[in-house]
Amino acid sequence: PKALFTAGAPLVLIGFVGAGKTTVGAALATRLGRPHVDVDQALEAEVGPLPAYIEAVGVTAFREAEERVLRRVLPLVGTVISCGAGTVRRVRSRPLVCRGARVFFLDAPAEVIAARLQGMPPAACHRPDLVNPDPEVTRANVERELTERRPLYLRLGEPVDATPPVEAVVEAIATRLAPTRR
């Protein structure tokens, strides 16, 4: 169910790694005059680089830490929140993300995401396991996981085409937030 937009409701961006959640979230927050919180960045500020943290504590402990960050930032009035790509995979996190929030799924095809990941500096990529020197292997890795996750993203958020430039994606979301006049 799509929530009606209210001034104090959080706006939550979900989607696969490389879909643009951080970049679009920051630009959308600026456009709307709202604060922005990136869940991965907030967690990284606490625990250090995420790939190393996940390797040290495991995925389950990482998801628990991610959930703690979500519980802390979701009540912040009017915040634009960029979730981690896998945040919604944890069943307990789904109601947190959706409760009282307007959720948008930044959707892009595997080849677009793979190209973005290939272009990221290694330190900026939270999923180095997806990236391979061979761009076709990266695309196949992304395609496999995106095919698995896409139905969940679609169930939880309103899809927004994340392939255009950031400004166009922000405009598409802002247009949906504008009250309709009859």
N, C-alpha and C. Protein backbone atom coordinates (compact mmCIF):
# COMPACT_ATOMS: atom_id res chain seq x y z
N PRO A 1 0.83 -1.19 0.00
CA PRO A 1 0.00 0.00 0.00
C PRO A 1 0.87 1.25 0.00
N LYS A 2 0.50 2.19 -0.82
CA LYS A 2 1.26 3.43 -0.94
C LYS A 2 0.74 4.45 0.06
N ALA A 3 1.63 4.93 0.91
CA ALA A 3 1.25 5.91 1.91
C ALA A 3 1.08 7.28 1.26
N LEU A 4 0.19 8.06 1.82
CA LEU A 4 0.06 9.44 1.37
C LEU A 4 1.24 10.23 1.91
N PHE A 5 1.69 11.19 1.15
CA PHE A 5 2.84 11.99 1.55
C PHE A 5 2.40 13.04 2.57
N THR A 6 3.08 13.07 3.70
CA THR A 6 2.89 14.13 4.66
C THR A 6 4.24 14.75 4.94
N ALA A 7 4.23 15.99 5.38
CA ALA A 7 5.47 16.74 5.55
C ALA A 7 6.44 16.05 6.51
N GLY A 8 5.94 15.38 7.52
CA GLY A 8 6.82 14.77 8.50
C GLY A 8 7.19 13.33 8.22
N ALA A 9 6.55 12.72 7.23
CA ALA A 9 6.79 11.31 6.94
C ALA A 9 8.18 11.12 6.34
N PRO A 10 8.85 10.05 6.72
CA PRO A 10 10.13 9.78 6.07
C PRO A 10 9.92 9.33 4.63
N LEU A 11 10.87 9.65 3.81
CA LEU A 11 10.92 9.15 2.43
C LEU A 11 12.06 8.14 2.40
N VAL A 12 11.76 6.93 1.98
CA VAL A 12 12.75 5.86 2.01
C VAL A 12 13.04 5.40 0.59
N LEU A 13 14.32 5.32 0.27
CA LEU A 13 14.76 4.83 -1.03
C LEU A 13 15.35 3.44 -0.85
N ILE A 14 14.85 2.50 -1.64
CA ILE A 14 15.37 1.14 -1.64
C ILE A 14 15.80 0.79 -3.06
N GLY A 15 16.59 -0.24 -3.20
CA GLY A 15 17.01 -0.70 -4.51
C GLY A 15 18.36 -1.39 -4.41
N PHE A 16 18.77 -1.93 -5.52
CA PHE A 16 20.00 -2.70 -5.59
C PHE A 16 21.21 -1.79 -5.47
N VAL A 17 22.34 -2.37 -5.09
CA VAL A 17 23.59 -1.63 -5.03
C VAL A 17 23.85 -1.01 -6.41
N GLY A 18 24.25 0.25 -6.42
CA GLY A 18 24.52 0.94 -7.68
C GLY A 18 23.31 1.57 -8.33
N ALA A 19 22.13 1.46 -7.71
CA ALA A 19 20.93 2.06 -8.30
C ALA A 19 20.90 3.56 -8.12
N GLY A 20 21.68 4.09 -7.18
CA GLY A 20 21.74 5.54 -6.98
C GLY A 20 21.05 6.03 -5.72
N LYS A 21 20.80 5.16 -4.77
CA LYS A 21 20.06 5.53 -3.56
C LYS A 21 20.74 6.67 -2.79
N THR A 22 22.04 6.59 -2.64
CA THR A 22 22.77 7.62 -1.89
C THR A 22 22.75 8.94 -2.64
N THR A 23 23.08 8.91 -3.91
CA THR A 23 23.16 10.13 -4.71
C THR A 23 21.78 10.77 -4.87
N VAL A 24 20.80 9.96 -5.23
CA VAL A 24 19.44 10.48 -5.40
C VAL A 24 18.89 10.96 -4.06
N GLY A 25 19.14 10.20 -2.99
CA GLY A 25 18.66 10.59 -1.67
C GLY A 25 19.18 11.95 -1.24
N ALA A 26 20.47 12.19 -1.43
CA ALA A 26 21.06 13.48 -1.07
C ALA A 26 20.47 14.61 -1.91
N ALA A 27 20.33 14.38 -3.21
CA ALA A 27 19.77 15.41 -4.10
C ALA A 27 18.30 15.66 -3.80
N LEU A 28 17.55 14.60 -3.52
CA LEU A 28 16.13 14.76 -3.18
C LEU A 28 15.97 15.53 -1.87
N ALA A 29 16.78 15.20 -0.88
CA ALA A 29 16.73 15.91 0.40
C ALA A 29 17.01 17.40 0.20
N THR A 30 18.00 17.71 -0.60
CA THR A 30 18.32 19.12 -0.89
C THR A 30 17.13 19.79 -1.57
N ARG A 31 16.56 19.14 -2.56
CA ARG A 31 15.42 19.69 -3.30
C ARG A 31 14.24 19.96 -2.37
N LEU A 32 13.99 19.06 -1.43
CA LEU A 32 12.83 19.18 -0.54
C LEU A 32 13.14 19.93 0.75
N GLY A 33 14.41 20.28 0.96
CA GLY A 33 14.79 20.96 2.20
C GLY A 33 14.66 20.06 3.41
N ARG A 34 15.01 18.79 3.23
CA ARG A 34 14.91 17.80 4.30
C ARG A 34 16.31 17.27 4.63
N PRO A 35 16.47 16.69 5.80
CA PRO A 35 17.75 16.02 6.09
C PRO A 35 17.84 14.69 5.34
N HIS A 36 19.05 14.23 5.13
CA HIS A 36 19.28 12.96 4.45
C HIS A 36 20.15 12.07 5.33
N VAL A 37 19.77 10.80 5.42
CA VAL A 37 20.60 9.81 6.12
C VAL A 37 20.77 8.62 5.20
N ASP A 38 22.02 8.25 4.98
CA ASP A 38 22.33 7.03 4.25
C ASP A 38 22.66 5.97 5.29
N VAL A 39 21.89 4.90 5.32
CA VAL A 39 22.04 3.86 6.33
C VAL A 39 23.44 3.24 6.29
N ASP A 40 23.93 2.95 5.08
CA ASP A 40 25.27 2.36 4.97
C ASP A 40 26.34 3.32 5.51
N GLN A 41 26.23 4.60 5.17
CA GLN A 41 27.21 5.57 5.65
C GLN A 41 27.15 5.73 7.16
N ALA A 42 25.93 5.75 7.71
CA ALA A 42 25.77 5.88 9.16
C ALA A 42 26.38 4.66 9.87
N LEU A 43 26.16 3.49 9.32
CA LEU A 43 26.71 2.28 9.92
C LEU A 43 28.23 2.25 9.77
N GLU A 44 28.70 2.66 8.60
CA GLU A 44 30.14 2.67 8.36
C GLU A 44 30.85 3.63 9.32
N ALA A 45 30.18 4.73 9.67
CA ALA A 45 30.77 5.68 10.63
C ALA A 45 30.95 5.02 12.00
N GLU A 46 30.12 4.04 12.30
CA GLU A 46 30.21 3.34 13.59
C GLU A 46 31.19 2.17 13.58
N VAL A 47 31.22 1.42 12.46
CA VAL A 47 31.95 0.14 12.47
C VAL A 47 33.11 0.07 11.49
N GLY A 48 33.28 1.09 10.66
CA GLY A 48 34.35 1.05 9.67
C GLY A 48 33.85 0.51 8.35
N PRO A 49 34.75 0.23 7.40
CA PRO A 49 34.34 -0.24 6.08
C PRO A 49 33.45 -1.48 6.17
N LEU A 50 32.33 -1.44 5.46
CA LEU A 50 31.34 -2.51 5.58
C LEU A 50 31.83 -3.87 5.10
N PRO A 51 32.53 -3.97 3.97
CA PRO A 51 33.00 -5.31 3.57
C PRO A 51 33.87 -5.97 4.65
N ALA A 52 34.75 -5.21 5.27
CA ALA A 52 35.61 -5.76 6.33
C ALA A 52 34.78 -6.11 7.56
N TYR A 53 33.80 -5.28 7.89
CA TYR A 53 32.94 -5.55 9.04
C TYR A 53 32.14 -6.83 8.82
N ILE A 54 31.57 -6.97 7.63
CA ILE A 54 30.79 -8.18 7.32
C ILE A 54 31.67 -9.42 7.40
N GLU A 55 32.88 -9.31 6.87
CA GLU A 55 33.81 -10.44 6.93
C GLU A 55 34.15 -10.80 8.37
N ALA A 56 34.27 -9.79 9.22
CA ALA A 56 34.64 -10.03 10.62
C ALA A 56 33.50 -10.59 11.46
N VAL A 57 32.26 -10.08 11.24
CA VAL A 57 31.16 -10.47 12.14
C VAL A 57 30.11 -11.34 11.48
N GLY A 58 30.11 -11.41 10.16
CA GLY A 58 29.11 -12.19 9.44
C GLY A 58 27.90 -11.35 9.04
N VAL A 59 27.14 -11.88 8.09
CA VAL A 59 26.00 -11.15 7.53
C VAL A 59 24.89 -10.95 8.57
N THR A 60 24.63 -11.94 9.40
CA THR A 60 23.56 -11.81 10.38
C THR A 60 23.83 -10.66 11.35
N ALA A 61 25.03 -10.59 11.89
CA ALA A 61 25.38 -9.49 12.80
C ALA A 61 25.36 -8.15 12.07
N PHE A 62 25.78 -8.14 10.81
CA PHE A 62 25.72 -6.91 10.02
C PHE A 62 24.27 -6.44 9.87
N ARG A 63 23.36 -7.35 9.53
CA ARG A 63 21.95 -6.99 9.37
C ARG A 63 21.35 -6.48 10.69
N GLU A 64 21.78 -7.06 11.81
CA GLU A 64 21.31 -6.58 13.12
C GLU A 64 21.80 -5.15 13.38
N ALA A 65 23.05 -4.88 13.05
CA ALA A 65 23.59 -3.52 13.21
C ALA A 65 22.86 -2.54 12.28
N GLU A 66 22.58 -2.99 11.07
CA GLU A 66 21.85 -2.17 10.10
C GLU A 66 20.45 -1.85 10.64
N GLU A 67 19.81 -2.84 11.24
CA GLU A 67 18.48 -2.64 11.81
C GLU A 67 18.52 -1.62 12.95
N ARG A 68 19.56 -1.66 13.77
CA ARG A 68 19.70 -0.68 14.85
C ARG A 68 19.78 0.73 14.28
N VAL A 69 20.52 0.90 13.18
CA VAL A 69 20.62 2.22 12.55
C VAL A 69 19.24 2.63 12.03
N LEU A 70 18.53 1.72 11.39
CA LEU A 70 17.18 2.02 10.89
C LEU A 70 16.26 2.48 12.02
N ARG A 71 16.27 1.77 13.13
CA ARG A 71 15.42 2.14 14.27
C ARG A 71 15.75 3.53 14.79
N ARG A 72 17.01 3.91 14.67
CA ARG A 72 17.44 5.23 15.14
C ARG A 72 17.04 6.35 14.18
N VAL A 73 17.11 6.09 12.86
CA VAL A 73 16.88 7.18 11.90
C VAL A 73 15.45 7.30 11.40
N LEU A 74 14.70 6.22 11.39
CA LEU A 74 13.33 6.29 10.86
C LEU A 74 12.42 7.26 11.61
N PRO A 75 12.55 7.41 12.92
CA PRO A 75 11.68 8.37 13.60
C PRO A 75 12.03 9.85 13.35
N LEU A 76 13.17 10.11 12.72
CA LEU A 76 13.56 11.50 12.48
C LEU A 76 12.57 12.14 11.52
N VAL A 77 11.95 13.21 11.95
CA VAL A 77 10.88 13.85 11.19
C VAL A 77 11.39 14.35 9.84
N GLY A 78 10.67 13.96 8.80
CA GLY A 78 10.92 14.50 7.47
C GLY A 78 12.20 14.05 6.80
N THR A 79 12.82 13.00 7.25
CA THR A 79 14.12 12.59 6.72
C THR A 79 13.97 11.79 5.43
N VAL A 80 14.90 12.01 4.51
CA VAL A 80 15.05 11.16 3.33
C VAL A 80 16.09 10.12 3.71
N ILE A 81 15.73 8.85 3.61
CA ILE A 81 16.59 7.76 4.06
C ILE A 81 16.96 6.87 2.88
N SER A 82 18.25 6.72 2.65
CA SER A 82 18.75 5.81 1.63
C SER A 82 19.15 4.52 2.33
N CYS A 83 18.40 3.46 2.06
CA CYS A 83 18.68 2.16 2.70
C CYS A 83 19.81 1.45 1.98
N GLY A 84 20.41 0.52 2.68
CA GLY A 84 21.35 -0.38 2.05
C GLY A 84 20.60 -1.29 1.09
N ALA A 85 21.29 -1.81 0.10
CA ALA A 85 20.64 -2.63 -0.93
C ALA A 85 19.94 -3.85 -0.35
N GLY A 86 20.52 -4.44 0.68
CA GLY A 86 19.96 -5.65 1.25
C GLY A 86 19.11 -5.44 2.49
N THR A 87 18.89 -4.21 2.87
CA THR A 87 18.13 -3.92 4.08
C THR A 87 16.80 -4.66 4.10
N VAL A 88 16.12 -4.67 2.98
CA VAL A 88 14.77 -5.26 2.93
C VAL A 88 14.80 -6.79 2.87
N ARG A 89 15.96 -7.38 2.76
CA ARG A 89 16.04 -8.85 2.76
C ARG A 89 15.74 -9.41 4.15
N ARG A 90 16.03 -8.65 5.17
CA ARG A 90 15.76 -9.09 6.54
C ARG A 90 14.27 -8.85 6.83
N VAL A 91 13.55 -9.92 7.09
CA VAL A 91 12.10 -9.85 7.29
C VAL A 91 11.74 -8.86 8.39
N ARG A 92 12.51 -8.83 9.47
CA ARG A 92 12.22 -7.91 10.57
C ARG A 92 12.40 -6.45 10.19
N SER A 93 13.22 -6.16 9.19
CA SER A 93 13.47 -4.77 8.79
C SER A 93 12.37 -4.22 7.87
N ARG A 94 11.67 -5.09 7.17
CA ARG A 94 10.67 -4.62 6.21
C ARG A 94 9.60 -3.75 6.83
N PRO A 95 8.99 -4.15 7.95
CA PRO A 95 7.98 -3.27 8.54
C PRO A 95 8.57 -1.94 9.02
N LEU A 96 9.82 -1.96 9.47
CA LEU A 96 10.47 -0.72 9.89
C LEU A 96 10.57 0.26 8.73
N VAL A 97 10.98 -0.25 7.59
CA VAL A 97 11.18 0.58 6.41
C VAL A 97 9.87 1.17 5.92
N CYS A 98 8.81 0.40 6.00
CA CYS A 98 7.54 0.79 5.39
C CYS A 98 6.58 1.52 6.33
N ARG A 99 6.73 1.37 7.63
CA ARG A 99 5.76 1.92 8.58
C ARG A 99 5.78 3.46 8.54
N GLY A 100 4.69 4.03 8.04
CA GLY A 100 4.54 5.48 8.03
C GLY A 100 5.39 6.20 7.02
N ALA A 101 6.11 5.47 6.19
CA ALA A 101 7.02 6.09 5.23
C ALA A 101 6.46 5.97 3.81
N ARG A 102 6.95 6.81 2.95
CA ARG A 102 6.71 6.68 1.52
C ARG A 102 7.97 6.05 0.96
N VAL A 103 7.84 4.88 0.35
CA VAL A 103 9.00 4.09 -0.09
C VAL A 103 9.07 4.09 -1.62
N PHE A 104 10.23 4.41 -2.13
CA PHE A 104 10.47 4.39 -3.58
C PHE A 104 11.57 3.38 -3.89
N PHE A 105 11.32 2.57 -4.89
CA PHE A 105 12.28 1.58 -5.37
C PHE A 105 12.99 2.15 -6.59
N LEU A 106 14.28 2.45 -6.44
CA LEU A 106 15.07 2.93 -7.57
C LEU A 106 15.45 1.73 -8.41
N ASP A 107 14.86 1.66 -9.58
CA ASP A 107 14.95 0.48 -10.44
C ASP A 107 15.83 0.78 -11.66
N ALA A 108 16.76 -0.10 -11.91
CA ALA A 108 17.62 0.01 -13.09
C ALA A 108 17.95 -1.40 -13.56
N PRO A 109 18.11 -1.59 -14.87
CA PRO A 109 18.45 -2.92 -15.37
C PRO A 109 19.86 -3.33 -14.96
N ALA A 110 20.08 -4.63 -14.98
CA ALA A 110 21.36 -5.21 -14.55
C ALA A 110 22.54 -4.61 -15.30
N GLU A 111 22.38 -4.39 -16.61
CA GLU A 111 23.53 -3.87 -17.37
C GLU A 111 23.91 -2.46 -16.94
N VAL A 112 22.93 -1.64 -16.55
CA VAL A 112 23.21 -0.29 -16.07
C VAL A 112 23.92 -0.36 -14.71
N ILE A 113 23.38 -1.17 -13.83
CA ILE A 113 23.99 -1.32 -12.49
C ILE A 113 25.40 -1.89 -12.61
N ALA A 114 25.58 -2.90 -13.45
CA ALA A 114 26.91 -3.50 -13.62
C ALA A 114 27.91 -2.46 -14.13
N ALA A 115 27.50 -1.63 -15.07
CA ALA A 115 28.40 -0.59 -15.59
C ALA A 115 28.75 0.41 -14.48
N ARG A 116 27.78 0.76 -13.66
CA ARG A 116 28.05 1.68 -12.55
C ARG A 116 29.03 1.05 -11.56
N LEU A 117 28.82 -0.21 -11.24
CA LEU A 117 29.71 -0.89 -10.29
C LEU A 117 31.13 -0.99 -10.86
N GLN A 118 31.24 -1.29 -12.14
CA GLN A 118 32.56 -1.39 -12.78
C GLN A 118 33.29 -0.05 -12.70
N GLY A 119 32.54 1.05 -12.72
CA GLY A 119 33.14 2.38 -12.70
C GLY A 119 33.45 2.92 -11.31
N MET A 120 33.02 2.21 -10.26
CA MET A 120 33.25 2.67 -8.89
C MET A 120 34.66 2.35 -8.45
N PRO A 121 35.26 3.27 -7.66
CA PRO A 121 36.53 2.89 -7.04
C PRO A 121 36.26 1.74 -6.06
N PRO A 122 37.16 0.78 -5.95
CA PRO A 122 36.92 -0.39 -5.09
C PRO A 122 36.49 -0.03 -3.67
N ALA A 123 37.06 1.01 -3.09
CA ALA A 123 36.72 1.39 -1.71
C ALA A 123 35.28 1.89 -1.59
N ALA A 124 34.70 2.35 -2.69
CA ALA A 124 33.34 2.89 -2.64
C ALA A 124 32.28 1.81 -2.82
N CYS A 125 32.67 0.65 -3.25
CA CYS A 125 31.71 -0.41 -3.54
C CYS A 125 31.54 -1.31 -2.32
N HIS A 126 30.32 -1.33 -1.79
CA HIS A 126 30.02 -2.16 -0.64
C HIS A 126 29.85 -3.64 -1.00
N ARG A 127 29.79 -3.94 -2.28
CA ARG A 127 29.63 -5.34 -2.71
C ARG A 127 30.74 -5.71 -3.69
N PRO A 128 31.98 -5.72 -3.23
CA PRO A 128 33.08 -6.07 -4.14
C PRO A 128 32.95 -7.47 -4.71
N ASP A 129 32.19 -8.34 -4.03
CA ASP A 129 32.01 -9.70 -4.52
C ASP A 129 31.23 -9.76 -5.83
N LEU A 130 30.50 -8.70 -6.16
CA LEU A 130 29.75 -8.66 -7.42
C LEU A 130 30.63 -8.26 -8.61
N VAL A 131 31.67 -7.51 -8.34
CA VAL A 131 32.48 -6.92 -9.40
C VAL A 131 33.61 -7.86 -9.80
N ASN A 132 33.80 -7.97 -11.11
CA ASN A 132 34.82 -8.83 -11.69
C ASN A 132 35.54 -8.04 -12.77
N PRO A 133 36.81 -8.31 -13.02
CA PRO A 133 37.49 -7.60 -14.11
C PRO A 133 36.77 -7.76 -15.46
N ASP A 134 36.08 -8.88 -15.63
CA ASP A 134 35.32 -9.11 -16.86
C ASP A 134 33.92 -8.50 -16.67
N PRO A 135 33.59 -7.44 -17.42
CA PRO A 135 32.29 -6.79 -17.26
C PRO A 135 31.10 -7.73 -17.44
N GLU A 136 31.24 -8.75 -18.27
CA GLU A 136 30.14 -9.71 -18.47
C GLU A 136 29.89 -10.55 -17.22
N VAL A 137 30.94 -10.87 -16.51
CA VAL A 137 30.78 -11.62 -15.26
C VAL A 137 30.08 -10.72 -14.23
N THR A 138 30.48 -9.46 -14.17
CA THR A 138 29.81 -8.52 -13.26
C THR A 138 28.33 -8.42 -13.60
N ARG A 139 28.02 -8.28 -14.89
CA ARG A 139 26.62 -8.18 -15.30
C ARG A 139 25.85 -9.44 -14.91
N ALA A 140 26.44 -10.61 -15.11
CA ALA A 140 25.77 -11.87 -14.75
C ALA A 140 25.56 -11.97 -13.24
N ASN A 141 26.55 -11.53 -12.45
CA ASN A 141 26.41 -11.53 -10.99
C ASN A 141 25.26 -10.63 -10.55
N VAL A 142 25.22 -9.43 -11.12
CA VAL A 142 24.16 -8.47 -10.79
C VAL A 142 22.81 -9.01 -11.23
N GLU A 143 22.74 -9.53 -12.43
CA GLU A 143 21.48 -10.07 -12.97
C GLU A 143 20.91 -11.16 -12.06
N ARG A 144 21.76 -12.05 -11.62
CA ARG A 144 21.32 -13.15 -10.76
C ARG A 144 20.69 -12.62 -9.47
N GLU A 145 21.37 -11.73 -8.77
CA GLU A 145 20.84 -11.21 -7.51
C GLU A 145 19.67 -10.26 -7.72
N LEU A 146 19.73 -9.45 -8.75
CA LEU A 146 18.65 -8.50 -9.01
C LEU A 146 17.36 -9.24 -9.35
N THR A 147 17.46 -10.31 -10.10
CA THR A 147 16.28 -11.12 -10.44
C THR A 147 15.64 -11.67 -9.17
N GLU A 148 16.45 -12.06 -8.22
CA GLU A 148 15.96 -12.58 -6.95
C GLU A 148 15.31 -11.48 -6.10
N ARG A 149 15.91 -10.31 -6.06
CA ARG A 149 15.44 -9.24 -5.16
C ARG A 149 14.35 -8.35 -5.74
N ARG A 150 14.31 -8.21 -7.05
CA ARG A 150 13.40 -7.25 -7.67
C ARG A 150 11.94 -7.41 -7.23
N PRO A 151 11.38 -8.63 -7.15
CA PRO A 151 9.99 -8.76 -6.70
C PRO A 151 9.77 -8.20 -5.29
N LEU A 152 10.74 -8.37 -4.43
CA LEU A 152 10.63 -7.82 -3.08
C LEU A 152 10.66 -6.30 -3.11
N TYR A 153 11.59 -5.73 -3.85
CA TYR A 153 11.66 -4.27 -3.98
C TYR A 153 10.33 -3.73 -4.52
N LEU A 154 9.78 -4.41 -5.53
CA LEU A 154 8.51 -3.96 -6.12
C LEU A 154 7.35 -4.07 -5.14
N ARG A 155 7.38 -5.07 -4.30
CA ARG A 155 6.31 -5.24 -3.32
C ARG A 155 6.35 -4.14 -2.26
N LEU A 156 7.54 -3.65 -1.95
CA LEU A 156 7.68 -2.69 -0.85
C LEU A 156 7.69 -1.23 -1.27
N GLY A 157 8.06 -0.95 -2.50
CA GLY A 157 8.20 0.45 -2.91
C GLY A 157 7.64 0.74 -4.28
N GLU A 158 7.37 2.00 -4.50
CA GLU A 158 6.92 2.47 -5.80
C GLU A 158 8.12 2.51 -6.75
N PRO A 159 8.06 1.84 -7.89
CA PRO A 159 9.22 1.85 -8.77
C PRO A 159 9.44 3.21 -9.43
N VAL A 160 10.70 3.58 -9.50
CA VAL A 160 11.13 4.81 -10.17
C VAL A 160 12.29 4.42 -11.07
N ASP A 161 12.23 4.81 -12.32
CA ASP A 161 13.32 4.52 -13.26
C ASP A 161 14.57 5.27 -12.81
N ALA A 162 15.61 4.52 -12.46
CA ALA A 162 16.84 5.13 -11.96
C ALA A 162 17.93 5.20 -13.02
N THR A 163 17.55 5.03 -14.29
CA THR A 163 18.56 5.10 -15.35
C THR A 163 18.84 6.52 -15.84
N PRO A 164 17.89 7.45 -15.77
CA PRO A 164 18.21 8.82 -16.22
C PRO A 164 19.19 9.51 -15.27
N PRO A 165 19.64 10.70 -15.65
CA PRO A 165 20.50 11.47 -14.74
C PRO A 165 19.78 11.73 -13.40
N VAL A 166 20.57 11.96 -12.37
CA VAL A 166 20.05 12.14 -11.01
C VAL A 166 18.93 13.18 -10.96
N GLU A 167 19.12 14.30 -11.63
CA GLU A 167 18.12 15.37 -11.58
C GLU A 167 16.76 14.89 -12.09
N ALA A 168 16.76 14.04 -13.10
CA ALA A 168 15.50 13.52 -13.65
C ALA A 168 14.85 12.52 -12.68
N VAL A 169 15.65 11.74 -12.00
CA VAL A 169 15.11 10.79 -11.01
C VAL A 169 14.50 11.57 -9.85
N VAL A 170 15.20 12.59 -9.39
CA VAL A 170 14.68 13.44 -8.30
C VAL A 170 13.37 14.10 -8.74
N GLU A 171 13.32 14.59 -9.95
CA GLU A 171 12.10 15.23 -10.46
C GLU A 171 10.95 14.23 -10.50
N ALA A 172 11.22 13.02 -10.93
CA ALA A 172 10.16 12.00 -10.99
C ALA A 172 9.59 11.72 -9.60
N ILE A 173 10.45 11.65 -8.60
CA ILE A 173 9.97 11.42 -7.23
C ILE A 173 9.23 12.64 -6.71
N ALA A 174 9.81 13.82 -6.91
CA ALA A 174 9.17 15.05 -6.42
C ALA A 174 7.79 15.24 -7.04
N THR A 175 7.64 14.87 -8.30
CA THR A 175 6.35 14.98 -8.97
C THR A 175 5.33 14.07 -8.31
N ARG A 176 5.75 12.88 -7.93
CA ARG A 176 4.83 11.95 -7.25
C ARG A 176 4.44 12.44 -5.86
N LEU A 177 5.31 13.22 -5.25
CA LEU A 177 5.03 13.74 -3.91
C LEU A 177 4.10 14.95 -3.91
N ALA A 178 4.04 15.63 -5.06
CA ALA A 178 3.21 16.83 -5.15
C ALA A 178 1.75 16.46 -4.97
N PRO A 179 1.02 17.25 -4.19
CA PRO A 179 -0.39 16.95 -4.01
C PRO A 179 -1.13 17.07 -5.35
N THR A 180 -2.05 16.16 -5.57
CA THR A 180 -2.83 16.22 -6.81
C THR A 180 -4.00 17.17 -6.61
N ARG A 181 -4.30 17.90 -7.64
CA ARG A 181 -5.43 18.84 -7.59
C ARG A 181 -6.55 18.30 -8.46
N ARG A 182 -7.74 18.41 -7.99
CA ARG A 182 -8.89 17.93 -8.76
C ARG A 182 -9.68 19.08 -9.29
